[in-house]
N, C-alpha and C. Protein backbone atom coordinates (compact mmCIF):
# COMPACT_ATOMS: atom_id res chain seq x y z
N MET A 1 0.71 -1.05 0.01
CA MET A 1 0.02 0.09 0.24
C MET A 1 1.00 1.32 -0.04
N THR A 2 0.72 2.04 -1.03
CA THR A 2 1.20 3.42 -0.83
C THR A 2 1.11 4.65 -0.01
N SER A 3 2.03 5.19 0.85
CA SER A 3 2.01 5.82 1.74
C SER A 3 1.34 6.88 1.43
N PRO A 4 1.25 7.98 1.90
CA PRO A 4 -0.05 9.27 1.87
C PRO A 4 1.11 10.21 1.41
N SER A 5 2.25 10.16 1.90
CA SER A 5 3.44 11.13 1.35
C SER A 5 3.97 10.58 0.01
N LEU A 6 3.87 9.30 -0.66
CA LEU A 6 4.51 9.28 -1.38
C LEU A 6 3.80 8.97 -2.83
N THR A 7 3.94 9.44 -4.13
CA THR A 7 3.26 9.40 -5.07
C THR A 7 3.61 8.47 -6.07
N THR A 8 3.20 7.75 -6.78
CA THR A 8 3.38 6.65 -8.17
C THR A 8 3.56 7.51 -9.13
N LEU A 9 4.35 7.35 -10.00
CA LEU A 9 5.29 8.00 -11.21
C LEU A 9 5.83 6.99 -12.09
N PRO A 10 5.82 7.20 -13.19
CA PRO A 10 6.35 6.21 -14.18
C PRO A 10 7.75 6.71 -14.68
N LEU A 11 8.35 6.11 -14.37
CA LEU A 11 9.71 5.98 -14.43
C LEU A 11 10.51 5.79 -15.95
N PHE A 12 11.72 6.68 -16.14
CA PHE A 12 12.17 6.61 -17.73
C PHE A 12 13.89 6.52 -17.47
N PRO A 13 14.47 5.35 -17.30
CA PRO A 13 15.66 5.23 -16.80
C PRO A 13 16.35 5.37 -18.11
N LEU A 14 17.24 6.61 -18.03
CA LEU A 14 18.20 6.96 -19.17
C LEU A 14 19.86 6.76 -18.88
N GLY A 15 20.28 7.06 -19.59
CA GLY A 15 21.85 7.32 -19.95
C GLY A 15 22.39 8.87 -19.66
N SER A 16 21.77 9.56 -19.04
CA SER A 16 21.85 10.88 -18.60
C SER A 16 21.04 11.80 -17.81
N VAL A 17 21.04 12.97 -17.12
CA VAL A 17 20.90 12.90 -15.68
C VAL A 17 19.92 14.61 -16.51
N LEU A 18 18.45 14.66 -15.63
CA LEU A 18 17.97 15.52 -16.13
C LEU A 18 17.76 16.71 -14.61
N TYR A 19 18.40 17.90 -14.99
CA TYR A 19 18.40 19.09 -13.95
C TYR A 19 17.16 19.24 -14.14
N PRO A 20 16.73 20.03 -12.61
CA PRO A 20 15.34 21.15 -12.56
C PRO A 20 15.89 22.27 -13.13
N GLY A 21 15.05 22.68 -14.27
CA GLY A 21 15.06 23.76 -15.27
C GLY A 21 15.92 23.78 -16.16
N GLY A 22 16.02 22.54 -16.46
CA GLY A 22 17.04 22.15 -17.72
C GLY A 22 16.27 21.60 -18.88
N LEU A 23 16.83 20.98 -19.81
CA LEU A 23 16.18 20.82 -21.08
C LEU A 23 16.67 19.75 -21.57
N LEU A 24 15.50 18.33 -22.09
CA LEU A 24 16.20 16.92 -22.79
C LEU A 24 15.78 16.66 -23.47
N PRO A 25 15.71 16.63 -24.96
CA PRO A 25 15.59 16.44 -25.97
C PRO A 25 15.55 14.66 -25.81
N LEU A 26 14.51 14.02 -26.86
CA LEU A 26 14.54 12.70 -26.85
C LEU A 26 14.00 12.25 -28.14
N ARG A 27 14.99 11.33 -28.22
CA ARG A 27 14.55 10.63 -29.88
C ARG A 27 13.80 8.87 -29.59
N ILE A 28 12.64 8.93 -29.55
CA ILE A 28 12.07 7.21 -29.00
C ILE A 28 11.27 6.69 -29.93
N PHE A 29 11.79 5.25 -29.89
CA PHE A 29 11.44 4.29 -30.86
C PHE A 29 11.32 3.11 -30.12
N GLU A 30 11.45 2.53 -28.84
CA GLU A 30 11.57 1.21 -28.50
C GLU A 30 10.11 1.68 -27.74
N VAL A 31 9.37 0.18 -28.38
CA VAL A 31 8.11 0.16 -28.28
C VAL A 31 7.35 0.73 -26.76
N ARG A 32 7.57 -0.26 -25.45
CA ARG A 32 7.75 0.38 -24.22
C ARG A 32 7.74 1.88 -24.06
N TYR A 33 8.37 2.74 -24.08
CA TYR A 33 8.67 4.35 -23.94
C TYR A 33 7.74 5.13 -24.80
N LEU A 34 7.65 4.13 -26.25
CA LEU A 34 6.14 5.06 -27.24
C LEU A 34 5.20 5.27 -26.86
N ARG A 35 4.63 4.04 -26.29
CA ARG A 35 3.75 4.01 -25.34
C ARG A 35 3.36 4.99 -24.14
N MET A 36 4.48 4.62 -23.28
CA MET A 36 4.17 5.64 -21.85
C MET A 36 4.33 7.23 -22.48
N ILE A 37 5.11 7.45 -23.32
CA ILE A 37 5.49 8.88 -23.86
C ILE A 37 4.14 9.43 -24.39
N GLY A 38 3.37 8.39 -25.36
CA GLY A 38 2.22 9.13 -26.10
C GLY A 38 0.86 8.83 -24.79
N GLU A 39 1.03 8.32 -23.96
CA GLU A 39 -0.02 8.20 -22.99
C GLU A 39 0.28 9.63 -22.00
N ALA A 40 1.10 9.73 -21.74
CA ALA A 40 1.81 11.07 -20.77
C ALA A 40 1.73 12.17 -21.83
N HIS A 41 2.03 12.53 -22.94
CA HIS A 41 1.19 13.21 -24.24
C HIS A 41 0.06 13.79 -23.82
N LYS A 42 -0.68 12.51 -24.40
CA LYS A 42 -2.07 12.68 -23.92
C LYS A 42 -3.06 13.08 -22.86
N ALA A 43 -2.32 12.78 -22.04
CA ALA A 43 -3.08 13.16 -20.58
C ALA A 43 -2.12 14.49 -20.24
N GLY A 44 -1.60 15.14 -20.85
CA GLY A 44 -0.57 16.12 -20.15
C GLY A 44 -0.08 15.79 -19.03
N ALA A 45 0.35 14.82 -18.68
CA ALA A 45 1.08 14.15 -17.39
C ALA A 45 2.58 14.43 -17.33
N PRO A 46 3.46 14.53 -16.32
CA PRO A 46 4.86 14.08 -16.74
C PRO A 46 5.21 12.94 -16.30
N PHE A 47 6.65 12.42 -16.07
CA PHE A 47 6.71 11.11 -15.73
C PHE A 47 8.45 11.58 -15.07
N GLY A 48 9.19 10.79 -14.75
CA GLY A 48 10.26 10.79 -13.73
C GLY A 48 11.73 10.17 -14.46
N VAL A 49 12.53 11.03 -14.78
CA VAL A 49 14.04 10.39 -15.08
C VAL A 49 14.72 10.55 -14.11
N VAL A 50 15.29 8.88 -14.41
CA VAL A 50 16.15 8.35 -13.56
C VAL A 50 17.55 7.98 -14.31
N ALA A 51 18.76 8.35 -13.99
CA ALA A 51 19.89 8.16 -14.59
C ALA A 51 20.22 6.41 -14.46
N LEU A 52 20.41 5.55 -15.13
CA LEU A 52 21.08 4.38 -15.32
C LEU A 52 22.49 4.04 -14.53
N THR A 53 22.42 3.07 -13.61
CA THR A 53 23.67 3.02 -12.75
C THR A 53 24.01 1.68 -14.06
N GLN A 54 23.00 0.89 -14.33
CA GLN A 54 23.41 -0.70 -14.79
C GLN A 54 22.48 -0.74 -15.97
N GLY A 55 22.64 -1.29 -16.84
CA GLY A 55 22.10 -1.72 -18.22
C GLY A 55 22.18 -0.42 -19.12
N SER A 56 21.01 -0.70 -19.95
CA SER A 56 21.26 0.45 -21.38
C SER A 56 19.76 0.98 -21.55
N GLU A 57 19.55 1.79 -22.01
CA GLU A 57 18.47 2.37 -22.34
C GLU A 57 17.80 1.51 -23.02
N VAL A 58 18.01 0.93 -23.98
CA VAL A 58 17.35 -0.15 -25.35
C VAL A 58 17.50 -1.40 -24.56
N ARG A 59 16.70 -2.21 -24.35
CA ARG A 59 16.67 -3.53 -24.18
C ARG A 59 17.12 -4.65 -25.12
N VAL A 60 18.06 -5.38 -24.66
CA VAL A 60 18.46 -6.36 -25.78
C VAL A 60 18.92 -7.75 -25.17
N ALA A 61 18.52 -8.61 -25.61
CA ALA A 61 18.59 -10.09 -25.09
C ALA A 61 19.93 -10.32 -24.46
N GLY A 62 20.33 -10.49 -23.24
CA GLY A 62 21.33 -11.08 -22.25
C GLY A 62 21.72 -9.73 -21.69
N ALA A 63 21.24 -8.89 -21.79
CA ALA A 63 22.07 -7.40 -20.90
C ALA A 63 21.90 -7.73 -20.01
N GLU A 64 22.61 -6.93 -18.99
CA GLU A 64 22.16 -6.57 -17.44
C GLU A 64 21.16 -5.89 -17.12
N ALA A 65 20.38 -6.52 -16.07
CA ALA A 65 19.61 -5.85 -15.43
C ALA A 65 19.14 -4.32 -15.60
N GLU A 66 18.36 -3.62 -15.54
CA GLU A 66 18.51 -2.03 -15.46
C GLU A 66 18.40 -1.68 -14.57
N ARG A 67 19.36 -1.10 -13.44
CA ARG A 67 19.46 -0.57 -12.25
C ARG A 67 19.47 1.06 -12.24
N PHE A 68 18.91 1.49 -11.21
CA PHE A 68 19.00 3.55 -11.41
C PHE A 68 18.87 3.95 -10.57
N ALA A 69 19.66 5.02 -10.31
CA ALA A 69 19.70 6.07 -9.22
C ALA A 69 18.41 6.20 -8.54
N THR A 70 18.45 6.59 -7.28
CA THR A 70 17.65 6.80 -6.40
C THR A 70 16.81 8.08 -6.38
N ILE A 71 17.61 9.26 -6.73
CA ILE A 71 16.91 10.47 -6.53
C ILE A 71 16.92 10.79 -8.67
N GLY A 72 16.06 11.22 -8.19
CA GLY A 72 15.87 11.44 -10.20
C GLY A 72 15.09 13.01 -10.22
N THR A 73 14.44 13.33 -11.18
CA THR A 73 13.61 14.59 -11.91
C THR A 73 12.53 14.37 -12.61
N LEU A 74 11.48 15.12 -12.16
CA LEU A 74 10.52 15.32 -12.97
C LEU A 74 10.57 15.63 -14.01
N ALA A 75 10.17 15.45 -15.20
CA ALA A 75 9.98 16.13 -16.52
C ALA A 75 8.45 15.72 -17.33
N GLU A 76 8.46 17.19 -17.67
CA GLU A 76 7.27 17.69 -18.36
C GLU A 76 7.31 18.20 -19.67
N ILE A 77 6.84 17.20 -20.35
CA ILE A 77 7.13 17.64 -21.90
C ILE A 77 6.65 18.58 -22.72
N ARG A 78 7.62 19.30 -23.39
CA ARG A 78 7.33 20.93 -23.86
C ARG A 78 6.99 20.97 -25.40
N ARG A 79 7.49 19.56 -26.17
CA ARG A 79 7.39 19.71 -27.40
C ARG A 79 7.27 18.26 -27.89
N PHE A 80 6.27 17.90 -28.59
CA PHE A 80 6.11 16.81 -29.11
C PHE A 80 5.70 16.85 -30.64
N GLU A 81 6.76 15.57 -31.20
CA GLU A 81 6.51 15.49 -32.56
C GLU A 81 6.61 13.79 -32.86
N ALA A 82 5.52 13.62 -33.64
CA ALA A 82 5.71 12.12 -34.45
C ALA A 82 6.42 12.24 -36.03
N PRO A 83 7.17 12.36 -36.44
CA PRO A 83 7.86 12.09 -37.66
C PRO A 83 7.59 11.05 -38.22
N GLN A 84 6.98 9.90 -37.75
CA GLN A 84 6.74 8.70 -38.32
C GLN A 84 6.54 7.83 -37.72
N PRO A 85 5.46 6.54 -38.49
CA PRO A 85 5.13 6.20 -37.00
C PRO A 85 6.20 4.95 -36.57
N ALA A 86 5.90 4.92 -35.06
CA ALA A 86 7.11 4.13 -34.42
C ALA A 86 8.56 5.29 -34.04
N LEU A 87 8.19 6.29 -33.98
CA LEU A 87 9.50 7.24 -33.73
C LEU A 87 8.84 8.57 -33.57
N LEU A 88 9.25 9.19 -31.83
CA LEU A 88 8.64 10.30 -31.59
C LEU A 88 10.24 11.27 -31.19
N HIS A 89 9.73 12.82 -31.10
CA HIS A 89 10.74 13.52 -30.80
C HIS A 89 10.27 14.54 -29.82
N ILE A 90 10.56 14.61 -28.67
CA ILE A 90 10.01 15.24 -27.43
C ILE A 90 11.21 15.81 -27.19
N GLU A 91 10.98 16.95 -26.23
CA GLU A 91 11.94 18.23 -25.51
C GLU A 91 11.15 17.97 -24.44
N CYS A 92 11.94 17.62 -23.15
CA CYS A 92 11.33 17.47 -21.50
C CYS A 92 12.15 18.88 -21.20
N ALA A 93 11.24 19.20 -20.12
CA ALA A 93 11.92 20.43 -19.16
C ALA A 93 11.74 19.37 -17.77
N GLY A 94 13.36 19.74 -17.07
CA GLY A 94 12.89 19.27 -15.61
C GLY A 94 12.37 20.25 -14.48
N MET A 95 12.05 19.41 -13.82
CA MET A 95 10.83 19.98 -12.82
C MET A 95 11.36 20.06 -11.42
N ARG A 96 11.07 19.43 -10.44
CA ARG A 96 11.42 19.09 -9.12
C ARG A 96 11.86 17.73 -9.15
N ARG A 97 12.77 17.40 -8.30
CA ARG A 97 13.37 16.70 -7.73
C ARG A 97 12.64 15.45 -6.57
N PHE A 98 13.02 14.41 -6.92
CA PHE A 98 11.95 13.12 -5.89
C PHE A 98 13.38 11.89 -5.86
N ARG A 99 12.76 11.34 -4.61
CA ARG A 99 13.52 10.42 -4.36
C ARG A 99 12.81 8.98 -4.51
N VAL A 100 13.33 7.80 -4.82
CA VAL A 100 12.43 7.09 -5.04
C VAL A 100 12.46 5.70 -4.16
N HIS A 101 11.37 5.48 -3.43
CA HIS A 101 11.64 4.38 -2.17
C HIS A 101 11.12 3.27 -2.97
N GLY A 102 10.57 2.90 -3.79
CA GLY A 102 10.63 1.68 -4.35
C GLY A 102 9.84 1.62 -5.66
N SER A 103 10.31 0.44 -6.47
CA SER A 103 9.77 0.54 -8.30
C SER A 103 9.62 -0.43 -8.14
N THR A 104 8.71 -0.81 -9.34
CA THR A 104 8.31 -1.99 -9.73
C THR A 104 8.51 -2.15 -11.55
N GLN A 105 9.14 -3.21 -11.99
CA GLN A 105 8.73 -3.18 -13.66
C GLN A 105 7.92 -4.11 -14.03
N GLN A 106 7.11 -3.76 -15.01
CA GLN A 106 5.65 -3.93 -15.21
C GLN A 106 6.14 -5.54 -16.22
N LYS A 107 5.20 -6.12 -16.73
CA LYS A 107 5.80 -6.86 -17.84
C LYS A 107 5.87 -6.60 -19.10
N ASN A 108 5.82 -5.42 -19.68
CA ASN A 108 5.95 -4.99 -20.52
C ASN A 108 7.60 -3.99 -20.42
N GLY A 109 8.11 -4.23 -19.23
CA GLY A 109 9.35 -3.42 -19.38
C GLY A 109 9.48 -2.11 -18.40
N LEU A 110 8.38 -1.26 -18.32
CA LEU A 110 8.45 -0.27 -17.81
C LEU A 110 8.32 -0.19 -16.61
N TRP A 111 8.76 0.48 -15.63
CA TRP A 111 9.18 1.14 -14.52
C TRP A 111 7.94 2.15 -13.83
N THR A 112 7.46 1.68 -13.00
CA THR A 112 6.86 2.78 -11.94
C THR A 112 7.44 2.67 -10.74
N GLY A 113 7.62 4.22 -10.11
CA GLY A 113 8.18 4.12 -8.96
C GLY A 113 7.49 4.88 -7.71
N GLU A 114 7.30 4.36 -6.30
CA GLU A 114 7.05 5.28 -5.42
C GLU A 114 7.64 6.72 -5.17
N VAL A 115 7.55 7.76 -5.12
CA VAL A 115 8.64 8.72 -5.05
C VAL A 115 7.78 9.49 -3.92
N GLU A 116 9.24 10.43 -3.39
CA GLU A 116 8.98 11.19 -2.42
C GLU A 116 9.38 12.59 -2.93
N TRP A 117 8.95 13.78 -2.88
CA TRP A 117 9.58 15.14 -3.68
C TRP A 117 10.68 15.42 -2.70
N LEU A 118 11.53 15.83 -3.48
CA LEU A 118 12.43 16.57 -2.64
C LEU A 118 12.21 18.00 -2.69
N ALA A 119 12.91 19.21 -1.68
CA ALA A 119 12.84 20.04 -1.49
C ALA A 119 13.58 21.23 -3.10
N ASP A 120 13.37 22.23 -3.18
CA ASP A 120 13.70 23.14 -4.65
C ASP A 120 14.75 23.51 -4.12
N ASP A 121 15.86 24.02 -4.77
CA ASP A 121 16.99 24.84 -4.48
C ASP A 121 16.16 26.21 -3.84
N LEU A 122 16.72 26.38 -2.50
CA LEU A 122 16.04 27.76 -2.16
C LEU A 122 17.06 28.93 -3.08
N PRO A 123 16.43 29.80 -3.08
CA PRO A 123 17.12 30.77 -4.75
C PRO A 123 18.28 31.42 -3.48
N LEU A 124 18.97 31.65 -3.87
CA LEU A 124 20.70 31.95 -3.38
C LEU A 124 21.28 32.81 -4.50
N PRO A 125 21.64 34.13 -3.78
CA PRO A 125 22.47 34.83 -5.27
C PRO A 125 23.72 34.18 -5.20
N VAL A 126 24.44 35.00 -6.48
CA VAL A 126 26.16 34.05 -6.29
C VAL A 126 26.70 34.87 -5.97
N PRO A 127 27.47 34.78 -5.02
CA PRO A 127 28.95 35.29 -4.18
C PRO A 127 29.86 35.61 -4.64
N ASP A 128 30.33 37.18 -4.81
CA ASP A 128 30.94 38.03 -5.27
C ASP A 128 32.35 37.14 -5.85
N ASP A 129 32.96 36.15 -4.95
CA ASP A 129 34.11 35.14 -5.41
C ASP A 129 33.96 34.16 -6.25
N LEU A 130 32.38 33.83 -6.76
CA LEU A 130 32.01 32.87 -7.86
C LEU A 130 31.05 33.87 -8.80
N VAL A 131 31.04 34.83 -8.73
CA VAL A 131 30.12 36.01 -10.07
C VAL A 131 30.83 35.23 -11.34
N HIS A 132 32.32 35.17 -11.37
CA HIS A 132 32.71 34.89 -12.67
C HIS A 132 32.67 33.43 -13.02
N VAL A 133 31.95 33.07 -12.40
CA VAL A 133 31.25 31.58 -13.17
C VAL A 133 30.03 31.82 -13.99
N SER A 134 29.59 32.52 -13.10
CA SER A 134 28.38 33.03 -14.08
C SER A 134 28.30 34.09 -14.94
N GLN A 135 29.43 35.20 -14.97
CA GLN A 135 29.68 35.89 -16.30
C GLN A 135 30.10 34.67 -17.48
N ALA A 136 30.76 34.12 -17.21
CA ALA A 136 31.41 32.79 -17.93
C ALA A 136 29.96 32.32 -18.78
N LEU A 137 28.92 31.88 -18.12
CA LEU A 137 27.64 30.89 -18.50
C LEU A 137 27.16 32.56 -19.38
N LYS A 138 27.20 33.34 -18.93
CA LYS A 138 26.15 34.52 -19.61
C LYS A 138 27.18 34.44 -21.43
N ARG A 139 28.68 35.01 -21.52
CA ARG A 139 29.79 34.60 -22.39
C ARG A 139 28.81 33.76 -23.23
N LEU A 140 28.73 32.22 -23.07
CA LEU A 140 28.96 31.15 -23.60
C LEU A 140 27.39 31.38 -24.27
N VAL A 141 26.60 31.91 -23.57
CA VAL A 141 24.90 31.83 -24.05
C VAL A 141 24.93 33.13 -25.16
N ASP A 142 25.42 34.59 -24.66
CA ASP A 142 25.55 35.08 -26.08
C ASP A 142 26.38 34.71 -27.35
N THR A 143 27.07 33.92 -27.16
CA THR A 143 28.24 33.50 -28.38
C THR A 143 27.24 32.69 -29.03
N LEU A 144 26.58 31.81 -27.98
CA LEU A 144 25.65 30.85 -28.77
C LEU A 144 24.60 31.37 -29.66
N GLU A 145 24.14 32.20 -28.91
CA GLU A 145 22.80 33.25 -29.23
C GLU A 145 22.81 33.79 -30.63
N ALA A 146 24.57 34.67 -30.72
CA ALA A 146 25.29 35.62 -31.85
C ALA A 146 25.09 34.80 -33.01
N ARG A 147 25.94 33.57 -32.75
CA ARG A 147 26.07 32.39 -33.97
C ARG A 147 24.80 32.21 -34.51
N ARG A 148 24.09 31.78 -33.77
CA ARG A 148 22.56 31.07 -34.18
C ARG A 148 21.90 32.42 -35.19
N VAL A 149 22.05 33.50 -34.73
CA VAL A 149 21.41 34.68 -35.21
C VAL A 149 22.34 34.98 -36.93
N ALA A 150 23.54 34.92 -36.92
CA ALA A 150 24.54 35.11 -38.05
C ALA A 150 24.62 34.32 -38.83
N GLU A 151 24.23 33.12 -38.33
CA GLU A 151 23.53 31.67 -39.51
C GLU A 151 22.66 31.58 -39.76
N GLY A 152 21.42 32.49 -39.63
CA GLY A 152 20.23 32.48 -39.82
C GLY A 152 19.71 30.94 -39.41
N ARG A 153 20.03 30.66 -38.57
CA ARG A 153 19.47 29.45 -37.90
C ARG A 153 18.17 29.54 -37.19
N ASP A 154 17.31 29.74 -37.34
CA ASP A 154 15.81 29.68 -36.40
C ASP A 154 15.26 28.70 -35.89
N ASP A 155 15.94 27.30 -36.45
CA ASP A 155 15.04 26.42 -36.30
C ASP A 155 16.09 26.26 -34.89
N VAL A 156 17.06 26.19 -35.01
CA VAL A 156 18.14 26.02 -33.65
C VAL A 156 17.77 26.56 -32.38
N ARG A 157 17.77 25.48 -31.55
CA ARG A 157 17.40 26.15 -30.22
C ARG A 157 18.75 26.41 -28.97
N LEU A 158 18.67 27.19 -28.18
CA LEU A 158 19.48 27.20 -27.07
C LEU A 158 19.26 26.28 -26.29
N PRO A 159 20.29 25.62 -25.52
CA PRO A 159 20.43 24.41 -25.11
C PRO A 159 20.02 24.79 -23.25
N LEU A 160 19.36 26.26 -23.52
CA LEU A 160 18.99 26.53 -22.35
C LEU A 160 17.43 27.09 -22.03
N ALA A 161 16.86 26.87 -20.97
CA ALA A 161 16.14 27.25 -21.45
C ALA A 161 15.21 28.76 -20.26
N GLU A 162 14.72 29.53 -20.80
CA GLU A 162 14.58 30.63 -20.48
C GLU A 162 13.40 30.88 -19.54
N PRO A 163 13.17 31.44 -18.63
CA PRO A 163 14.13 32.67 -18.00
C PRO A 163 15.29 32.23 -17.56
N PHE A 164 16.61 33.08 -17.85
CA PHE A 164 17.65 33.09 -17.37
C PHE A 164 17.99 33.77 -16.41
N ARG A 165 18.96 32.94 -15.67
CA ARG A 165 18.72 33.47 -13.48
C ARG A 165 20.32 33.40 -13.35
N PHE A 166 21.12 34.47 -14.20
CA PHE A 166 22.42 34.40 -13.95
C PHE A 166 22.67 34.77 -12.64
N ASP A 167 21.92 35.23 -11.69
CA ASP A 167 21.99 35.77 -10.13
C ASP A 167 22.18 34.87 -9.69
N ASP A 168 21.51 33.47 -9.98
CA ASP A 168 21.06 32.64 -8.69
C ASP A 168 22.26 31.16 -8.66
N CYS A 169 22.44 31.19 -7.37
CA CYS A 169 23.69 29.86 -7.60
C CYS A 169 22.93 28.65 -8.07
N GLY A 170 21.93 28.18 -7.95
CA GLY A 170 21.84 27.11 -8.63
C GLY A 170 21.33 26.79 -9.78
N TRP A 171 20.76 27.85 -10.39
CA TRP A 171 20.18 27.71 -11.68
C TRP A 171 22.12 28.08 -12.24
N VAL A 172 22.68 28.75 -12.14
CA VAL A 172 23.81 28.65 -12.60
C VAL A 172 24.59 27.29 -13.13
N ALA A 173 24.50 26.69 -11.50
CA ALA A 173 25.38 25.50 -11.11
C ALA A 173 24.62 24.47 -12.32
N ASN A 174 23.41 24.57 -12.23
CA ASN A 174 22.89 22.99 -12.92
C ASN A 174 22.86 23.51 -14.18
N ARG A 175 23.17 24.55 -15.02
CA ARG A 175 23.42 24.63 -16.74
C ARG A 175 25.03 24.57 -16.64
N TRP A 176 26.07 24.83 -15.94
CA TRP A 176 26.88 24.50 -16.21
C TRP A 176 27.36 22.67 -15.86
N CYS A 177 26.60 22.24 -15.05
CA CYS A 177 26.70 20.87 -14.98
C CYS A 177 26.26 20.25 -16.37
N GLU A 178 25.09 20.73 -17.05
CA GLU A 178 24.47 20.22 -18.06
C GLU A 178 25.58 20.62 -19.58
N LEU A 179 26.00 21.25 -19.19
CA LEU A 179 26.95 21.70 -20.56
C LEU A 179 28.50 21.27 -20.51
N LEU A 180 28.61 21.02 -19.16
CA LEU A 180 30.57 20.30 -19.04
C LEU A 180 30.22 18.79 -19.44
N PRO A 181 31.48 18.87 -20.05
CA PRO A 181 31.43 17.15 -20.51
C PRO A 181 31.97 16.71 -19.03
N MET A 182 31.15 15.58 -18.79
CA MET A 182 31.22 14.78 -17.28
C MET A 182 31.03 13.79 -17.31
N GLN A 183 31.21 12.06 -16.57
CA GLN A 183 30.70 11.29 -16.43
C GLN A 183 29.33 11.66 -15.77
N THR A 184 28.52 10.90 -16.14
CA THR A 184 26.85 10.74 -15.49
C THR A 184 26.89 10.48 -14.57
N GLU A 185 27.60 9.63 -13.54
CA GLU A 185 28.09 9.38 -12.04
C GLU A 185 28.10 10.69 -11.57
N LEU A 186 28.98 11.71 -12.08
CA LEU A 186 29.81 13.01 -11.36
C LEU A 186 28.54 13.70 -11.51
N LYS A 187 27.41 13.91 -12.72
CA LYS A 187 26.68 14.65 -13.09
C LYS A 187 25.47 14.52 -12.07
N GLN A 188 25.31 12.96 -11.28
CA GLN A 188 24.07 12.87 -10.65
C GLN A 188 24.25 13.19 -9.11
N ARG A 189 25.73 13.29 -9.16
CA ARG A 189 26.57 13.33 -7.44
C ARG A 189 25.92 14.67 -7.14
N LEU A 190 26.32 15.50 -8.45
CA LEU A 190 25.96 17.10 -8.43
C LEU A 190 24.69 17.40 -8.71
N MET A 191 24.11 16.76 -8.63
CA MET A 191 22.21 16.89 -8.86
C MET A 191 21.81 16.81 -7.53
N GLU A 192 22.44 16.03 -6.88
CA GLU A 192 21.65 15.49 -5.50
C GLU A 192 22.09 16.19 -4.17
N LEU A 193 23.30 17.21 -4.62
CA LEU A 193 23.69 18.04 -3.81
C LEU A 193 22.64 18.80 -3.20
N GLU A 194 22.45 18.79 -1.71
CA GLU A 194 21.07 19.72 -1.47
C GLU A 194 21.47 21.08 -0.87
N SER A 195 22.61 21.70 -1.30
CA SER A 195 23.37 23.23 -0.98
C SER A 195 23.87 23.14 -2.80
N PRO A 196 23.05 24.63 -3.04
CA PRO A 196 23.28 25.16 -4.35
C PRO A 196 24.95 25.99 -4.54
N LEU A 197 24.67 26.35 -3.35
CA LEU A 197 26.35 27.00 -2.99
C LEU A 197 27.57 26.17 -3.12
N MET A 198 27.12 24.67 -2.85
CA MET A 198 28.04 24.06 -2.50
C MET A 198 28.57 23.66 -4.18
N ARG A 199 27.08 23.22 -4.93
CA ARG A 199 27.26 22.58 -6.25
C ARG A 199 28.04 23.71 -6.79
N LEU A 200 27.60 25.25 -7.10
CA LEU A 200 28.45 25.98 -7.31
C LEU A 200 29.80 26.04 -7.40
N GLU A 201 30.17 25.85 -6.72
CA GLU A 201 31.66 25.72 -5.69
C GLU A 201 32.29 24.76 -6.63
N LEU A 202 31.88 23.51 -6.28
CA LEU A 202 32.65 22.53 -7.52
C LEU A 202 32.43 22.84 -8.72
N VAL A 203 31.32 23.27 -9.32
CA VAL A 203 31.14 23.58 -10.73
C VAL A 203 32.41 24.62 -10.89
N ALA A 204 32.75 25.04 -9.73
CA ALA A 204 33.93 26.71 -10.28
C ALA A 204 35.17 25.64 -10.52
N ASP A 205 35.15 24.90 -9.76
CA ASP A 205 36.61 24.14 -9.66
C ASP A 205 36.49 23.64 -10.74
N LEU A 206 35.40 22.67 -11.54
CA LEU A 206 35.52 21.93 -12.57
C LEU A 206 35.94 23.16 -13.80
N LEU A 207 35.23 24.06 -13.55
CA LEU A 207 35.66 25.14 -14.74
C LEU A 207 37.34 25.62 -14.79
N SER A 208 37.51 25.96 -13.87
CA SER A 208 38.99 25.90 -13.22
C SER A 208 39.97 24.86 -14.03
N ARG A 209 39.49 23.69 -13.85
CA ARG A 209 40.52 22.96 -14.31
C ARG A 209 40.44 22.66 -16.12
N HIS A 210 39.27 23.12 -16.22
CA HIS A 210 38.93 23.16 -17.85
C HIS A 210 39.55 24.28 -18.58
N GLY A 211 40.43 25.58 -17.38
CA GLY A 211 40.64 26.51 -18.35
C GLY A 211 39.65 27.47 -18.48
N ILE A 212 37.92 27.15 -18.26
CA ILE A 212 37.05 27.98 -18.48
C ILE A 212 36.71 29.17 -17.98
N ALA A 213 37.13 29.24 -16.74
CA ALA A 213 36.89 30.20 -15.83
C ALA A 213 37.33 30.32 -14.53
């Protein structure tokens, strides 16, 4: 029996991490997820994205069983396209984080989880000693936008969703975590941190190692 404090949520295990406020484009062709996403879109319902720790996104005979992180992010479908039968192109927006307290795999391979909602990052101004991290992100966004305009690419979307909040620790840290090349395990650990300031401080260290900021 589900606890009143828990919510049942369809889960989508992926080889990537979705952050609150982030964008996640997906190309879906596996039968089990075509049905799940189609039903979610029709009902206007969200689903949960969890990062795989074992197994792969596409089921193959003899593959390892799927295992995934216990903290994930609620995904809301913002764009839905069906360019051909048995193929969907969607774009999701990350909403709130959750902790999985129990999960069940159905006969068709789909997962559901009993989840508890986690607190959102508290709004926190970027401290003076980390302003350079925010400024570097703004320069990158400005560069990408200028390149898009110069090339006349109206069909190209920035990898960051508005509204931009360059003055907020959590927002800046999350966007860098999405953009920086790093292993899924590290992205997951950073996403799980309760302190947006600590996340931003660790991002600043990563940027320094990459010679970015």
